[in-house]
């Protein structure tokens, strides 16, 4: 299984942090990538951060192609300029999309003190559940960073699937799902190359070893 992760689509806001602007891709690139994976059932799609472009650009393109995706929302940004509103999040679910937590403030979960980690893993999820009026069971680690403490906390809290950004392949039913996050410089041709990369057994073995070690830190 190959998980592709998008962030903002189009032109990033002028006040977007540099670490986020680096992951915004053009609308044409997004469309071309969707066309590349159109007939690939082994490709899962997800979008992080809860940018307004999720409903303005991504949602109609996905619906047109009959594809679904998981949207990981930063709960603390709900209703802010340039971000999804509560109504937008509900619209995603009505369209058959998945909604998961990306924490409260888009800060790295690794190394947080217990009160901060509770805000990111518990309170953020509760805010999304209040909006959706249903359980939220999946999460994506901000900036793809995690450690053993983070993973242990997520398991204890009952998250059924957790997404990272390890640029590695993932087992279809695995609890931890590695993803390939597209950067501003990536193209549809790059994605096609990642799909070919996934056909090599030696690479799959190396990917598994690398992500296993990261979870032991």
Protein backbone atom coordinates (compact mmCIF):
# COMPACT_ATOMS: atom_id res chain seq x y z
CA UNK A 1 0.00 0.00 0.00
CA UNK A 2 1.22 3.51 -0.86
CA UNK A 3 -0.22 6.45 1.09
CA UNK A 4 -0.01 9.85 -0.58
CA UNK A 5 -0.37 12.91 1.62
CA UNK A 6 -1.27 16.40 0.40
CA UNK A 7 -1.36 19.65 2.33
CA UNK A 8 -2.39 22.99 0.81
CA UNK A 9 -3.42 23.15 -2.84
CA UNK A 10 -2.93 26.31 -4.85
CA UNK A 11 -1.02 29.36 -3.60
CA UNK A 12 -0.14 29.35 0.11
CA UNK A 13 -1.33 32.31 2.20
CA UNK A 14 1.25 35.04 2.64
CA UNK A 15 1.40 34.35 6.37
CA UNK A 16 1.80 30.57 6.07
CA UNK A 17 4.79 29.28 8.07
CA UNK A 18 7.69 28.35 5.79
CA UNK A 19 7.58 24.73 6.96
CA UNK A 20 3.96 24.51 5.75
CA UNK A 21 4.30 26.59 2.55
CA UNK A 22 6.96 24.12 1.41
CA UNK A 23 4.22 21.48 1.09
CA UNK A 24 1.68 23.44 -0.94
CA UNK A 25 1.32 22.13 -4.50
CA UNK A 26 -0.31 23.64 -7.56
CA UNK A 27 -3.89 22.82 -8.48
CA UNK A 28 -2.80 21.34 -11.82
CA UNK A 29 -0.27 19.13 -10.07
CA UNK A 30 -2.97 17.88 -7.71
CA UNK A 31 -5.26 17.02 -10.61
CA UNK A 32 -2.49 15.23 -12.50
CA UNK A 33 -1.58 13.17 -9.44
CA UNK A 34 -5.20 12.10 -9.03
CA UNK A 35 -5.20 11.01 -12.66
CA UNK A 36 -1.96 9.05 -12.17
CA UNK A 37 -3.47 7.05 -9.29
CA UNK A 38 -6.96 6.77 -10.78
CA UNK A 39 -6.71 3.03 -11.42
CA UNK A 40 -4.50 2.18 -8.43
CA UNK A 41 -6.56 0.62 -5.60
CA UNK A 42 -3.30 0.19 -3.66
CA UNK A 43 -2.97 3.98 -3.25
CA UNK A 44 -4.62 5.74 -0.32
CA UNK A 45 -5.03 9.52 -0.25
CA UNK A 46 -4.96 11.89 2.71
CA UNK A 47 -4.75 15.64 3.32
CA UNK A 48 -3.27 17.30 6.39
CA UNK A 49 -3.73 20.63 8.20
CA UNK A 50 -7.35 21.43 7.37
CA UNK A 51 -6.70 24.18 4.85
CA UNK A 52 -9.68 25.79 3.10
CA UNK A 53 -8.38 24.33 -0.17
CA UNK A 54 -9.52 20.95 1.14
CA UNK A 55 -13.12 21.85 0.30
CA UNK A 56 -12.49 24.50 -2.34
CA UNK A 57 -10.21 22.37 -4.53
CA UNK A 58 -9.61 18.84 -3.28
CA UNK A 59 -13.16 17.77 -2.46
CA UNK A 60 -14.74 18.48 -5.87
CA UNK A 61 -11.80 16.88 -7.69
CA UNK A 62 -12.07 13.75 -5.54
CA UNK A 63 -15.84 13.51 -5.93
CA UNK A 64 -15.57 13.93 -9.70
CA UNK A 65 -13.22 10.95 -9.86
CA UNK A 66 -15.09 8.81 -7.36
CA UNK A 67 -12.14 8.77 -4.94
CA UNK A 68 -12.17 9.09 -1.18
CA UNK A 69 -9.52 10.56 1.11
CA UNK A 70 -8.87 11.06 4.80
CA UNK A 71 -8.66 14.66 6.00
CA UNK A 72 -6.58 15.31 9.12
CA UNK A 73 -7.72 18.55 10.71
CA UNK A 74 -5.91 20.88 13.11
CA UNK A 75 -8.67 21.40 15.67
CA UNK A 76 -7.29 24.68 16.99
CA UNK A 77 -7.58 26.29 13.54
CA UNK A 78 -11.23 25.47 12.93
CA UNK A 79 -13.02 28.58 11.74
CA UNK A 80 -9.83 30.60 11.25
CA UNK A 81 -9.18 32.46 8.00
CA UNK A 82 -7.77 30.07 5.40
CA UNK A 83 -8.78 27.00 7.38
CA UNK A 84 -11.81 24.72 7.41
CA UNK A 85 -14.93 25.70 9.32
CA UNK A 86 -17.03 23.29 11.36
CA UNK A 87 -19.51 23.22 8.47
CA UNK A 88 -16.71 22.34 6.04
CA UNK A 89 -15.68 19.39 8.19
CA UNK A 90 -19.24 18.13 8.26
CA UNK A 91 -19.45 18.57 4.48
CA UNK A 92 -16.40 16.35 4.06
CA UNK A 93 -18.08 13.57 6.03
CA UNK A 94 -21.36 13.95 4.14
CA UNK A 95 -19.35 13.42 0.96
CA UNK A 96 -18.01 10.12 2.28
CA UNK A 97 -14.56 11.36 3.27
CA UNK A 98 -12.75 10.34 6.43
CA UNK A 99 -11.89 12.90 9.10
CA UNK A 100 -9.11 12.44 11.64
CA UNK A 101 -7.15 14.50 14.12
CA UNK A 102 -3.96 16.41 13.37
CA UNK A 103 -3.76 17.75 16.90
CA UNK A 104 -4.64 21.15 18.31
CA UNK A 105 -1.81 23.50 17.32
CA UNK A 106 0.28 21.73 14.63
CA UNK A 107 3.20 21.24 16.94
CA UNK A 108 5.40 18.14 17.04
CA UNK A 109 4.02 15.61 19.54
CA UNK A 110 7.39 14.11 20.26
CA UNK A 111 8.80 15.33 23.58
CA UNK A 112 5.68 17.15 24.81
CA UNK A 113 4.90 17.32 28.53
CA UNK A 114 1.83 15.32 29.64
CA UNK A 115 -0.57 18.33 29.78
CA UNK A 116 0.48 19.42 26.27
CA UNK A 117 0.21 15.89 24.92
CA UNK A 118 -3.30 15.61 26.38
CA UNK A 119 -4.31 18.81 24.59
CA UNK A 120 -3.02 17.43 21.29
CA UNK A 121 -4.30 13.86 21.52
CA UNK A 122 -7.42 14.14 23.70
CA UNK A 123 -8.85 17.66 23.62
CA UNK A 124 -8.28 18.12 19.88
CA UNK A 125 -10.10 14.87 19.17
CA UNK A 126 -12.97 15.85 21.46
CA UNK A 127 -13.37 19.15 19.61
CA UNK A 128 -13.65 17.33 16.29
CA UNK A 129 -16.07 14.80 17.76
CA UNK A 130 -18.28 17.66 18.95
CA UNK A 131 -18.34 19.01 15.39
CA UNK A 132 -19.03 15.66 13.75
CA UNK A 133 -21.19 14.14 16.49
CA UNK A 134 -19.38 10.85 15.97
CA UNK A 135 -16.14 9.23 17.18
CA UNK A 136 -12.79 10.24 15.66
CA UNK A 137 -10.52 7.21 15.57
CA UNK A 138 -7.58 8.16 13.32
CA UNK A 139 -4.73 10.64 13.66
CA UNK A 140 -1.78 11.96 11.67
CA UNK A 141 1.44 13.03 13.42
CA UNK A 142 2.24 16.72 12.73
CA UNK A 143 5.32 17.11 10.54
CA UNK A 144 5.46 13.31 10.52
CA UNK A 145 7.49 13.17 13.75
CA UNK A 146 6.89 10.65 16.51
CA UNK A 147 8.60 8.43 19.04
CA UNK A 148 7.75 5.44 21.21
CA UNK A 149 6.04 7.59 23.84
CA UNK A 150 3.80 9.19 21.23
CA UNK A 151 2.82 5.88 19.68
CA UNK A 152 2.14 4.31 23.09
CA UNK A 153 -0.13 7.22 24.07
CA UNK A 154 -2.06 6.99 20.80
CA UNK A 155 -2.62 3.27 21.28
CA UNK A 156 -3.81 3.72 24.86
CA UNK A 157 -6.27 6.38 23.72
CA UNK A 158 -7.84 3.94 21.28
CA UNK A 159 -6.79 5.44 17.96
CA UNK A 160 -7.32 2.68 15.42
CA UNK A 161 -4.86 3.97 12.82
CA UNK A 162 -2.02 6.50 12.95
CA UNK A 163 -0.38 8.11 9.90
CA UNK A 164 3.22 9.34 9.69
CA UNK A 165 5.35 10.87 6.90
CA UNK A 166 8.11 8.30 6.52
CA UNK A 167 8.12 8.09 2.69
CA UNK A 168 7.83 4.33 2.96
CA UNK A 169 5.36 1.65 1.97
CA UNK A 170 2.66 0.53 4.40
CA UNK A 171 0.86 -2.72 5.11
CA UNK A 172 -2.84 -2.39 4.18
CA UNK A 173 -4.02 -3.30 7.68
CA UNK A 174 -1.14 -1.88 9.71
CA UNK A 175 -1.89 0.36 12.69
CA UNK A 176 0.95 2.72 11.78
CA UNK A 177 0.69 3.95 8.19
CA UNK A 178 3.73 5.54 6.53
CA UNK A 179 3.00 8.14 3.85
CA UNK A 180 4.68 9.97 1.00
CA UNK A 181 4.05 13.69 1.60
CA UNK A 182 4.12 15.77 -1.56
CA UNK A 183 6.29 18.87 -1.43
CA UNK A 184 6.00 22.01 -3.55
CA UNK A 185 8.74 20.72 -5.85
CA UNK A 186 7.16 17.30 -6.44
CA UNK A 187 5.37 16.49 -9.69
CA UNK A 188 3.00 13.86 -11.00
CA UNK A 189 6.02 12.20 -12.63
CA UNK A 190 7.63 11.92 -9.19
CA UNK A 191 4.52 10.19 -7.89
CA UNK A 192 4.61 7.77 -10.83
CA UNK A 193 8.21 6.99 -9.87
CA UNK A 194 7.18 6.30 -6.26
CA UNK A 195 4.60 3.84 -7.53
CA UNK A 196 7.28 2.03 -9.54
CA UNK A 197 9.58 2.11 -6.50
CA UNK A 198 6.97 0.14 -4.58
CA UNK A 199 7.39 -2.87 -6.84
CA UNK A 200 10.89 -3.60 -5.52
CA UNK A 201 11.02 -6.10 -2.66
CA UNK A 202 14.41 -4.98 -1.35
CA UNK A 203 13.10 -1.45 -0.93
CA UNK A 204 10.03 -2.67 0.95
CA UNK A 205 12.27 -4.54 3.41
CA UNK A 206 14.43 -1.47 3.96
CA UNK A 207 11.35 0.70 4.52
CA UNK A 208 10.00 -1.63 7.18
CA UNK A 209 13.31 -1.71 9.02
CA UNK A 210 13.66 2.08 9.00
CA UNK A 211 10.16 2.80 10.35
CA UNK A 212 10.50 0.04 12.97
CA UNK A 213 13.63 1.68 14.37
CA UNK A 214 11.97 5.11 14.52
CA UNK A 215 9.20 3.70 16.68
CA UNK A 216 11.71 2.44 19.25
CA UNK A 217 13.28 5.81 20.02
